[in-house]
N, C-alpha and C. Protein backbone atom coordinates (compact mmCIF):
# COMPACT_ATOMS: atom_id res chain seq x y z
N UNK A 1 -4.84 5.63 -2.30
CA UNK A 1 -6.04 5.57 -1.51
C UNK A 1 -6.44 6.99 -1.18
N UNK A 2 -7.71 7.29 -1.27
CA UNK A 2 -8.22 8.60 -0.93
C UNK A 2 -8.90 8.54 0.43
N UNK A 3 -8.72 9.58 1.20
CA UNK A 3 -9.35 9.64 2.51
C UNK A 3 -10.08 10.96 2.61
N UNK A 4 -11.31 10.92 3.12
CA UNK A 4 -12.09 12.15 3.28
C UNK A 4 -12.83 12.09 4.58
N UNK A 5 -13.08 13.23 5.16
CA UNK A 5 -13.89 13.32 6.36
C UNK A 5 -14.90 14.42 6.19
N UNK A 6 -16.16 14.15 6.47
CA UNK A 6 -17.21 15.14 6.28
C UNK A 6 -17.73 15.68 7.59
N UNK A 7 -17.55 14.97 8.68
CA UNK A 7 -18.09 15.39 9.97
C UNK A 7 -19.55 15.09 10.07
N UNK A 8 -20.08 15.15 11.27
CA UNK A 8 -21.50 14.89 11.48
C UNK A 8 -21.81 13.42 11.39
N UNK A 9 -23.02 13.06 11.76
CA UNK A 9 -23.41 11.65 11.73
C UNK A 9 -24.62 11.46 10.86
N UNK A 10 -24.91 10.23 10.56
CA UNK A 10 -26.08 9.91 9.75
C UNK A 10 -27.29 9.84 10.67
N UNK A 11 -28.46 10.14 10.12
CA UNK A 11 -29.66 10.02 10.94
C UNK A 11 -30.23 8.62 10.81
N UNK A 12 -31.29 8.34 11.56
CA UNK A 12 -31.85 6.99 11.61
C UNK A 12 -32.43 6.53 10.29
N UNK A 13 -32.72 7.46 9.36
CA UNK A 13 -33.30 7.07 8.07
C UNK A 13 -32.23 6.82 7.02
N UNK A 14 -30.98 7.05 7.35
CA UNK A 14 -29.89 6.85 6.39
C UNK A 14 -29.70 5.36 6.16
N UNK A 15 -29.84 4.93 4.91
CA UNK A 15 -29.66 3.51 4.58
C UNK A 15 -28.42 3.27 3.75
N UNK A 16 -27.49 4.25 3.73
CA UNK A 16 -26.26 4.10 2.96
C UNK A 16 -25.43 2.96 3.53
N UNK A 17 -24.69 2.26 2.68
CA UNK A 17 -23.81 1.22 3.20
C UNK A 17 -22.70 1.84 4.03
N UNK A 18 -22.25 1.15 5.04
CA UNK A 18 -21.22 1.68 5.92
C UNK A 18 -19.88 0.99 5.74
N UNK A 19 -19.69 0.33 4.61
CA UNK A 19 -18.45 -0.41 4.42
C UNK A 19 -17.30 0.48 4.01
N UNK A 20 -17.54 1.71 3.62
CA UNK A 20 -16.47 2.65 3.37
C UNK A 20 -16.00 2.68 1.95
N UNK A 21 -15.17 1.81 1.55
CA UNK A 21 -14.56 1.87 0.23
C UNK A 21 -13.07 1.95 0.41
N UNK A 22 -12.40 2.35 -0.62
CA UNK A 22 -10.97 2.51 -0.53
C UNK A 22 -10.26 1.45 -1.32
N UNK A 23 -8.94 1.42 -1.13
CA UNK A 23 -8.09 0.55 -1.90
C UNK A 23 -7.20 -0.22 -0.95
N UNK A 24 -7.01 -1.51 -1.24
CA UNK A 24 -6.16 -2.35 -0.42
C UNK A 24 -4.74 -2.37 -0.95
N UNK A 25 -3.95 -3.33 -0.51
CA UNK A 25 -2.57 -3.46 -0.95
C UNK A 25 -2.50 -3.62 -2.46
N UNK A 26 -1.45 -3.07 -3.04
CA UNK A 26 -1.15 -3.20 -4.47
C UNK A 26 -2.26 -2.67 -5.36
N UNK A 27 -3.05 -1.69 -4.84
CA UNK A 27 -4.05 -1.05 -5.67
C UNK A 27 -5.30 -1.86 -5.91
N UNK A 28 -5.47 -2.98 -5.20
CA UNK A 28 -6.66 -3.79 -5.39
C UNK A 28 -7.78 -3.27 -4.51
N UNK A 29 -9.04 -3.41 -4.93
CA UNK A 29 -10.13 -2.92 -4.10
C UNK A 29 -10.13 -3.63 -2.75
N UNK A 30 -10.42 -2.86 -1.71
CA UNK A 30 -10.51 -3.46 -0.38
C UNK A 30 -11.72 -4.38 -0.36
N UNK A 31 -11.70 -5.43 0.46
CA UNK A 31 -12.84 -6.35 0.52
C UNK A 31 -14.12 -5.60 0.83
N UNK A 32 -15.20 -5.93 0.11
CA UNK A 32 -16.50 -5.32 0.30
C UNK A 32 -16.48 -3.81 0.15
N UNK A 33 -15.54 -3.27 -0.61
CA UNK A 33 -15.43 -1.82 -0.75
C UNK A 33 -16.51 -1.29 -1.66
N UNK A 34 -17.07 -0.17 -1.29
CA UNK A 34 -18.03 0.51 -2.14
C UNK A 34 -17.30 1.18 -3.28
N UNK A 35 -17.99 1.51 -4.36
CA UNK A 35 -17.32 2.02 -5.54
C UNK A 35 -16.78 3.43 -5.39
N UNK A 36 -17.42 4.30 -4.61
CA UNK A 36 -16.94 5.67 -4.60
C UNK A 36 -17.23 6.39 -3.28
N UNK A 37 -17.28 5.67 -2.20
CA UNK A 37 -17.54 6.29 -0.91
C UNK A 37 -16.43 5.96 0.06
N UNK A 38 -16.20 6.86 1.00
CA UNK A 38 -15.20 6.65 2.03
C UNK A 38 -15.89 6.74 3.38
N UNK A 39 -15.61 5.81 4.27
CA UNK A 39 -16.16 5.82 5.62
C UNK A 39 -15.36 6.81 6.44
N UNK A 40 -15.99 7.90 6.84
CA UNK A 40 -15.29 8.95 7.56
C UNK A 40 -15.11 8.61 9.04
N UNK A 41 -15.77 7.58 9.53
CA UNK A 41 -15.60 7.16 10.91
C UNK A 41 -16.47 7.95 11.87
N UNK A 42 -16.45 7.55 13.12
CA UNK A 42 -17.22 8.21 14.17
C UNK A 42 -16.25 9.00 15.02
N UNK A 43 -16.66 10.18 15.47
CA UNK A 43 -15.82 11.03 16.29
C UNK A 43 -15.37 10.27 17.54
N UNK A 44 -14.14 10.56 18.01
CA UNK A 44 -13.59 9.86 19.16
C UNK A 44 -14.45 10.02 20.40
N UNK A 45 -15.10 11.20 20.56
CA UNK A 45 -15.87 11.45 21.77
C UNK A 45 -17.34 11.03 21.64
N UNK A 46 -17.69 10.34 20.56
CA UNK A 46 -19.07 9.90 20.37
C UNK A 46 -19.42 8.83 21.40
N UNK A 47 -20.66 8.85 21.86
CA UNK A 47 -21.15 7.84 22.79
C UNK A 47 -21.51 6.60 21.99
N UNK A 48 -20.94 5.48 22.37
CA UNK A 48 -21.21 4.24 21.66
C UNK A 48 -22.46 3.61 22.27
N UNK A 49 -23.40 3.23 21.44
CA UNK A 49 -24.63 2.63 21.91
C UNK A 49 -25.67 2.69 20.84
N UNK A 50 -26.90 2.38 21.20
CA UNK A 50 -28.00 2.31 20.24
C UNK A 50 -28.21 3.63 19.53
N UNK A 51 -28.09 4.76 20.25
CA UNK A 51 -28.37 6.06 19.67
C UNK A 51 -27.13 6.75 19.11
N UNK A 52 -25.99 6.07 19.08
CA UNK A 52 -24.76 6.69 18.58
C UNK A 52 -24.89 7.00 17.10
N UNK A 53 -24.30 8.11 16.69
CA UNK A 53 -24.34 8.52 15.29
C UNK A 53 -23.52 7.55 14.44
N UNK A 54 -24.05 7.21 13.30
CA UNK A 54 -23.34 6.35 12.35
C UNK A 54 -22.31 7.18 11.61
N UNK A 55 -21.29 6.55 11.07
CA UNK A 55 -20.30 7.29 10.28
C UNK A 55 -20.95 7.98 9.09
N UNK A 56 -20.39 9.12 8.73
CA UNK A 56 -20.88 9.86 7.58
C UNK A 56 -20.10 9.42 6.35
N UNK A 57 -20.80 9.18 5.27
CA UNK A 57 -20.15 8.77 4.03
C UNK A 57 -19.95 9.98 3.14
N UNK A 58 -18.80 10.06 2.52
CA UNK A 58 -18.46 11.21 1.69
C UNK A 58 -18.12 10.74 0.29
N UNK A 59 -18.69 11.35 -0.74
CA UNK A 59 -18.27 11.01 -2.10
C UNK A 59 -16.84 11.51 -2.31
N UNK A 60 -16.05 10.75 -3.04
CA UNK A 60 -14.70 11.19 -3.36
C UNK A 60 -14.77 12.42 -4.26
N UNK A 61 -13.89 13.36 -4.03
CA UNK A 61 -13.94 14.63 -4.74
C UNK A 61 -13.35 14.54 -6.15
N UNK A 62 -12.32 13.75 -6.36
CA UNK A 62 -11.62 13.75 -7.63
C UNK A 62 -11.57 12.36 -8.25
N UNK A 63 -11.60 12.33 -9.56
CA UNK A 63 -11.37 11.10 -10.31
C UNK A 63 -10.37 11.45 -11.41
N UNK A 64 -9.13 11.08 -11.22
CA UNK A 64 -8.10 11.40 -12.20
C UNK A 64 -8.15 10.36 -13.31
N UNK A 65 -8.76 10.74 -14.42
CA UNK A 65 -8.96 9.82 -15.54
C UNK A 65 -8.03 10.09 -16.71
N UNK A 66 -6.93 10.79 -16.47
CA UNK A 66 -6.01 11.13 -17.55
C UNK A 66 -5.40 9.86 -18.15
N UNK A 67 -5.12 9.92 -19.42
CA UNK A 67 -4.43 8.81 -20.09
C UNK A 67 -3.01 8.73 -19.54
N UNK A 68 -2.43 7.53 -19.53
CA UNK A 68 -1.03 7.41 -19.09
C UNK A 68 -0.13 8.23 -20.02
N UNK A 69 1.02 8.64 -19.52
CA UNK A 69 1.93 9.42 -20.36
C UNK A 69 2.54 8.55 -21.45
N UNK A 70 2.97 9.19 -22.51
CA UNK A 70 3.70 8.48 -23.56
C UNK A 70 5.03 8.03 -22.96
N UNK A 71 5.44 6.79 -23.21
CA UNK A 71 6.70 6.33 -22.62
C UNK A 71 7.94 7.02 -23.19
N UNK A 72 7.80 7.66 -24.34
CA UNK A 72 8.95 8.33 -24.93
C UNK A 72 9.94 7.33 -25.51
N UNK A 73 11.08 7.84 -25.96
CA UNK A 73 12.06 6.95 -26.58
C UNK A 73 12.72 6.03 -25.55
N UNK A 74 13.08 4.84 -25.99
CA UNK A 74 13.79 3.91 -25.11
C UNK A 74 15.28 4.14 -25.24
N UNK A 75 16.01 3.70 -24.26
CA UNK A 75 17.47 3.78 -24.33
C UNK A 75 18.04 2.42 -23.94
N UNK A 76 19.31 2.23 -24.20
CA UNK A 76 19.96 0.96 -23.89
C UNK A 76 20.11 0.81 -22.37
N UNK A 77 20.13 -0.45 -21.92
CA UNK A 77 20.39 -0.72 -20.52
C UNK A 77 21.83 -0.32 -20.20
N UNK A 78 22.06 0.18 -19.02
CA UNK A 78 23.41 0.47 -18.55
C UNK A 78 24.15 -0.86 -18.33
N UNK A 79 23.42 -1.87 -17.85
CA UNK A 79 23.98 -3.20 -17.59
C UNK A 79 23.23 -4.19 -18.48
N UNK A 80 23.68 -4.31 -19.72
CA UNK A 80 22.92 -5.05 -20.73
C UNK A 80 22.68 -6.52 -20.36
N UNK A 81 23.62 -7.19 -19.75
CA UNK A 81 23.44 -8.60 -19.42
C UNK A 81 22.62 -8.75 -18.14
N UNK A 82 23.03 -8.11 -17.05
CA UNK A 82 22.35 -8.27 -15.76
C UNK A 82 20.90 -7.78 -15.83
N UNK A 83 20.67 -6.63 -16.44
CA UNK A 83 19.30 -6.09 -16.51
C UNK A 83 18.42 -6.94 -17.41
N UNK A 84 18.98 -7.46 -18.49
CA UNK A 84 18.20 -8.33 -19.38
C UNK A 84 17.79 -9.61 -18.65
N UNK A 85 18.69 -10.17 -17.85
CA UNK A 85 18.35 -11.36 -17.05
C UNK A 85 17.24 -11.03 -16.06
N UNK A 86 17.32 -9.87 -15.42
CA UNK A 86 16.29 -9.44 -14.47
C UNK A 86 14.93 -9.35 -15.15
N UNK A 87 14.88 -8.71 -16.31
CA UNK A 87 13.62 -8.52 -17.04
C UNK A 87 13.04 -9.86 -17.47
N UNK A 88 13.90 -10.83 -17.78
CA UNK A 88 13.43 -12.15 -18.20
C UNK A 88 12.85 -12.98 -17.04
N UNK A 89 12.95 -12.49 -15.81
CA UNK A 89 12.42 -13.22 -14.65
C UNK A 89 10.90 -13.28 -14.63
N UNK A 90 10.25 -12.41 -15.40
CA UNK A 90 8.78 -12.43 -15.45
C UNK A 90 8.20 -11.03 -15.57
N UNK A 91 6.91 -10.95 -15.35
CA UNK A 91 6.17 -9.70 -15.53
C UNK A 91 6.71 -8.60 -14.61
N UNK A 92 6.62 -7.35 -15.07
CA UNK A 92 7.04 -6.24 -14.21
C UNK A 92 6.18 -6.17 -12.96
N UNK A 93 6.82 -5.86 -11.84
CA UNK A 93 6.13 -5.70 -10.56
C UNK A 93 6.46 -4.32 -9.98
N UNK A 94 6.47 -3.31 -10.84
CA UNK A 94 6.80 -1.96 -10.42
C UNK A 94 5.69 -1.40 -9.54
N UNK A 95 6.08 -0.60 -8.58
CA UNK A 95 5.09 0.02 -7.71
C UNK A 95 5.64 1.31 -7.12
N UNK A 96 4.72 2.21 -6.80
CA UNK A 96 5.08 3.48 -6.21
C UNK A 96 4.36 3.65 -4.89
N UNK A 97 4.69 4.71 -4.19
CA UNK A 97 4.10 4.96 -2.88
C UNK A 97 3.48 6.35 -2.88
N UNK A 98 2.20 6.40 -2.54
CA UNK A 98 1.50 7.68 -2.41
C UNK A 98 1.77 8.27 -1.03
N UNK A 99 1.91 9.58 -1.00
CA UNK A 99 2.11 10.27 0.26
C UNK A 99 1.09 11.38 0.39
N UNK A 100 0.57 11.58 1.58
CA UNK A 100 -0.26 12.74 1.87
C UNK A 100 0.56 13.58 2.84
N UNK A 101 0.91 14.79 2.42
CA UNK A 101 1.83 15.62 3.18
C UNK A 101 1.27 17.01 3.41
N UNK A 102 1.82 17.69 4.40
CA UNK A 102 1.52 19.12 4.57
C UNK A 102 2.27 19.87 3.47
N UNK A 103 1.79 21.07 3.15
CA UNK A 103 2.37 21.86 2.06
C UNK A 103 3.85 22.13 2.25
N UNK A 104 4.32 22.27 3.49
CA UNK A 104 5.72 22.61 3.73
C UNK A 104 6.62 21.39 3.98
N UNK A 105 6.08 20.18 3.89
CA UNK A 105 6.88 18.96 4.06
C UNK A 105 7.66 18.66 2.78
N UNK A 106 8.85 18.04 2.91
CA UNK A 106 9.57 17.61 1.71
C UNK A 106 8.74 16.56 0.97
N UNK A 107 8.74 16.64 -0.35
CA UNK A 107 7.97 15.71 -1.18
C UNK A 107 8.93 14.80 -1.95
N UNK A 108 8.59 13.51 -1.98
CA UNK A 108 9.41 12.51 -2.65
C UNK A 108 8.56 11.65 -3.56
N UNK A 109 9.12 11.27 -4.68
CA UNK A 109 8.55 10.19 -5.49
C UNK A 109 9.32 8.94 -5.06
N UNK A 110 8.62 7.96 -4.51
CA UNK A 110 9.24 6.72 -4.04
C UNK A 110 8.68 5.56 -4.84
N UNK A 111 9.56 4.73 -5.39
CA UNK A 111 9.09 3.63 -6.23
C UNK A 111 10.06 2.46 -6.14
N UNK A 112 9.57 1.30 -6.56
CA UNK A 112 10.39 0.08 -6.64
C UNK A 112 10.18 -0.51 -8.03
N UNK A 113 11.26 -0.94 -8.65
CA UNK A 113 11.22 -1.55 -9.97
C UNK A 113 11.78 -2.96 -9.86
N UNK A 114 10.92 -3.95 -10.13
CA UNK A 114 11.30 -5.36 -9.98
C UNK A 114 10.53 -6.20 -10.99
N UNK A 115 11.00 -7.42 -11.20
CA UNK A 115 10.39 -8.33 -12.19
C UNK A 115 10.23 -9.72 -11.61
N UNK A 116 9.16 -10.40 -12.06
CA UNK A 116 8.94 -11.82 -11.78
C UNK A 116 8.45 -12.12 -10.38
N UNK A 117 8.11 -13.39 -10.18
CA UNK A 117 7.59 -13.86 -8.90
C UNK A 117 8.60 -13.68 -7.77
N UNK A 118 9.89 -13.72 -8.10
CA UNK A 118 10.93 -13.53 -7.09
C UNK A 118 11.16 -12.06 -6.78
N UNK A 119 10.46 -11.16 -7.48
CA UNK A 119 10.57 -9.72 -7.25
C UNK A 119 12.03 -9.26 -7.40
N UNK A 120 12.66 -9.71 -8.49
CA UNK A 120 14.07 -9.42 -8.76
C UNK A 120 14.24 -7.94 -9.08
N UNK A 121 15.10 -7.25 -8.33
CA UNK A 121 15.28 -5.80 -8.46
C UNK A 121 15.99 -5.41 -9.75
N UNK A 122 15.53 -4.33 -10.34
CA UNK A 122 16.22 -3.69 -11.45
C UNK A 122 17.17 -2.66 -10.83
N UNK A 123 18.48 -2.88 -10.94
CA UNK A 123 19.45 -2.05 -10.24
C UNK A 123 20.30 -1.23 -11.21
N UNK A 124 20.57 0.02 -10.80
CA UNK A 124 21.47 0.93 -11.52
C UNK A 124 21.03 1.17 -12.96
N UNK A 125 19.72 1.37 -13.14
CA UNK A 125 19.16 1.70 -14.46
C UNK A 125 18.33 2.98 -14.33
N UNK A 126 18.24 3.73 -15.42
CA UNK A 126 17.54 5.02 -15.41
C UNK A 126 16.04 4.86 -15.59
N UNK A 127 15.29 5.69 -14.88
CA UNK A 127 13.83 5.72 -14.93
C UNK A 127 13.40 7.18 -15.04
N UNK A 128 12.54 7.49 -16.00
CA UNK A 128 12.01 8.85 -16.12
C UNK A 128 10.91 9.07 -15.09
N UNK A 129 10.89 10.25 -14.49
CA UNK A 129 9.89 10.61 -13.47
C UNK A 129 8.95 11.64 -14.08
N UNK A 130 7.65 11.31 -14.11
CA UNK A 130 6.63 12.21 -14.65
C UNK A 130 5.57 12.47 -13.59
N UNK A 131 4.95 13.64 -13.64
CA UNK A 131 3.96 14.04 -12.64
C UNK A 131 2.73 14.61 -13.33
N UNK A 132 1.56 14.24 -12.85
CA UNK A 132 0.29 14.80 -13.32
C UNK A 132 -0.24 15.66 -12.17
N UNK A 133 -0.24 16.97 -12.35
CA UNK A 133 -0.66 17.88 -11.28
C UNK A 133 -2.16 18.13 -11.33
N UNK A 134 -2.80 18.10 -10.17
CA UNK A 134 -4.19 18.50 -10.03
C UNK A 134 -5.16 17.74 -10.92
N UNK A 135 -4.90 16.49 -11.21
CA UNK A 135 -5.78 15.69 -12.08
C UNK A 135 -5.96 16.34 -13.44
N UNK A 136 -4.95 17.01 -13.93
CA UNK A 136 -5.02 17.63 -15.25
C UNK A 136 -4.89 16.61 -16.36
N UNK A 137 -4.50 17.07 -17.52
CA UNK A 137 -4.35 16.18 -18.67
C UNK A 137 -2.93 16.16 -19.22
N UNK A 138 -2.06 17.05 -18.72
CA UNK A 138 -0.71 17.15 -19.24
C UNK A 138 0.30 16.65 -18.22
N UNK A 139 1.05 15.62 -18.60
CA UNK A 139 2.09 15.08 -17.74
C UNK A 139 3.33 15.97 -17.83
N UNK A 140 3.97 16.21 -16.69
CA UNK A 140 5.17 17.04 -16.61
C UNK A 140 6.36 16.13 -16.31
N UNK A 141 7.40 16.23 -17.14
CA UNK A 141 8.61 15.43 -16.90
C UNK A 141 9.46 16.15 -15.86
N UNK A 142 9.69 15.49 -14.72
CA UNK A 142 10.47 16.10 -13.65
C UNK A 142 11.95 15.79 -13.76
N UNK A 143 12.29 14.67 -14.37
CA UNK A 143 13.69 14.31 -14.48
C UNK A 143 13.86 12.81 -14.63
N UNK A 144 15.09 12.37 -14.43
CA UNK A 144 15.43 10.96 -14.51
C UNK A 144 16.13 10.56 -13.22
N UNK A 145 15.79 9.39 -12.72
CA UNK A 145 16.43 8.85 -11.51
C UNK A 145 17.04 7.50 -11.86
N UNK A 146 17.99 7.07 -11.06
CA UNK A 146 18.63 5.78 -11.25
C UNK A 146 18.22 4.84 -10.12
N UNK A 147 17.79 3.63 -10.48
CA UNK A 147 17.39 2.66 -9.46
C UNK A 147 18.60 2.28 -8.61
N UNK A 148 18.34 1.99 -7.35
CA UNK A 148 19.41 1.76 -6.38
C UNK A 148 19.82 0.30 -6.29
N UNK A 149 21.00 0.09 -5.70
CA UNK A 149 21.41 -1.22 -5.22
C UNK A 149 21.04 -1.28 -3.74
N UNK A 150 21.14 -2.43 -3.13
CA UNK A 150 20.78 -2.58 -1.71
C UNK A 150 21.55 -1.58 -0.85
N UNK A 151 20.82 -0.75 -0.08
CA UNK A 151 21.44 0.16 0.87
C UNK A 151 22.12 1.38 0.28
N UNK A 152 21.95 1.66 -1.01
CA UNK A 152 22.59 2.83 -1.62
C UNK A 152 22.04 4.15 -1.08
N UNK A 153 20.77 4.17 -0.67
CA UNK A 153 20.11 5.42 -0.27
C UNK A 153 19.62 5.32 1.16
N UNK A 154 19.65 6.43 1.86
CA UNK A 154 19.12 6.48 3.23
C UNK A 154 17.61 6.24 3.20
N UNK A 155 17.07 5.74 4.30
CA UNK A 155 15.63 5.53 4.44
C UNK A 155 14.90 6.86 4.34
N UNK A 156 13.82 6.89 3.57
CA UNK A 156 12.99 8.09 3.40
C UNK A 156 11.55 7.71 3.67
N UNK A 157 10.86 8.48 4.51
CA UNK A 157 9.44 8.22 4.83
C UNK A 157 9.20 6.77 5.23
N UNK A 158 10.17 6.19 5.95
CA UNK A 158 10.03 4.81 6.42
C UNK A 158 10.32 3.74 5.38
N UNK A 159 10.76 4.14 4.18
CA UNK A 159 11.04 3.18 3.11
C UNK A 159 12.55 2.91 3.07
N UNK A 160 12.92 1.70 3.50
CA UNK A 160 14.32 1.27 3.52
C UNK A 160 14.74 0.88 2.10
N UNK A 161 15.98 1.17 1.76
CA UNK A 161 16.49 0.84 0.43
C UNK A 161 16.88 -0.64 0.36
N UNK A 162 16.01 -1.42 -0.27
CA UNK A 162 16.28 -2.85 -0.47
C UNK A 162 16.69 -3.13 -1.91
N UNK A 163 17.08 -2.10 -2.64
CA UNK A 163 17.50 -2.24 -4.03
C UNK A 163 16.33 -2.10 -4.99
N UNK A 164 16.65 -1.64 -6.21
CA UNK A 164 15.62 -1.46 -7.23
C UNK A 164 14.71 -0.27 -6.93
N UNK A 165 15.12 0.59 -6.04
CA UNK A 165 14.29 1.72 -5.60
C UNK A 165 14.68 3.01 -6.30
N UNK A 166 13.70 3.91 -6.35
CA UNK A 166 13.92 5.29 -6.79
C UNK A 166 13.50 6.19 -5.64
N UNK A 167 14.37 7.10 -5.27
CA UNK A 167 14.09 8.15 -4.29
C UNK A 167 14.31 9.46 -5.03
N UNK A 168 13.23 10.13 -5.39
CA UNK A 168 13.34 11.34 -6.21
C UNK A 168 12.69 12.51 -5.47
N UNK A 169 13.51 13.51 -5.04
CA UNK A 169 12.92 14.67 -4.37
C UNK A 169 12.18 15.55 -5.38
N UNK A 170 10.99 15.96 -5.01
CA UNK A 170 10.19 16.82 -5.90
C UNK A 170 10.33 18.26 -5.45
């Protein structure tokens, strides 16, 4: 999800939609979301009433349209029977977590790897970590991480280890 703030308010002739935009859970568009605008909100000290300034809408600055990275060569499962059973549970339900941080904060790649409607965790298997910097076109391979079992890793950024997780410091 992208967040932007432009400051200032709209004037009385502004007919822009005020629904904002953005992304909901699991990367789906938020209900009634506009295609490329973010609702910057009204300042906390604004007077609420008929003459109050409307939120300012800001176009999103970046559109990262890079192609996905090549998956590279495959390798055998570390746990050929257990992992194969997990994968047979259904479609992949992998997901990652975006973070907005200050420049001096620790940075983590946080993800969950699971399959099927039961969200069965993929445990103790290797996952390659790739990064696309600055909306460029070249993916950078950062390394390989191993998915966790329940409670293998300490909580990071409020994400408790429920298994099938990757915690990768960048």
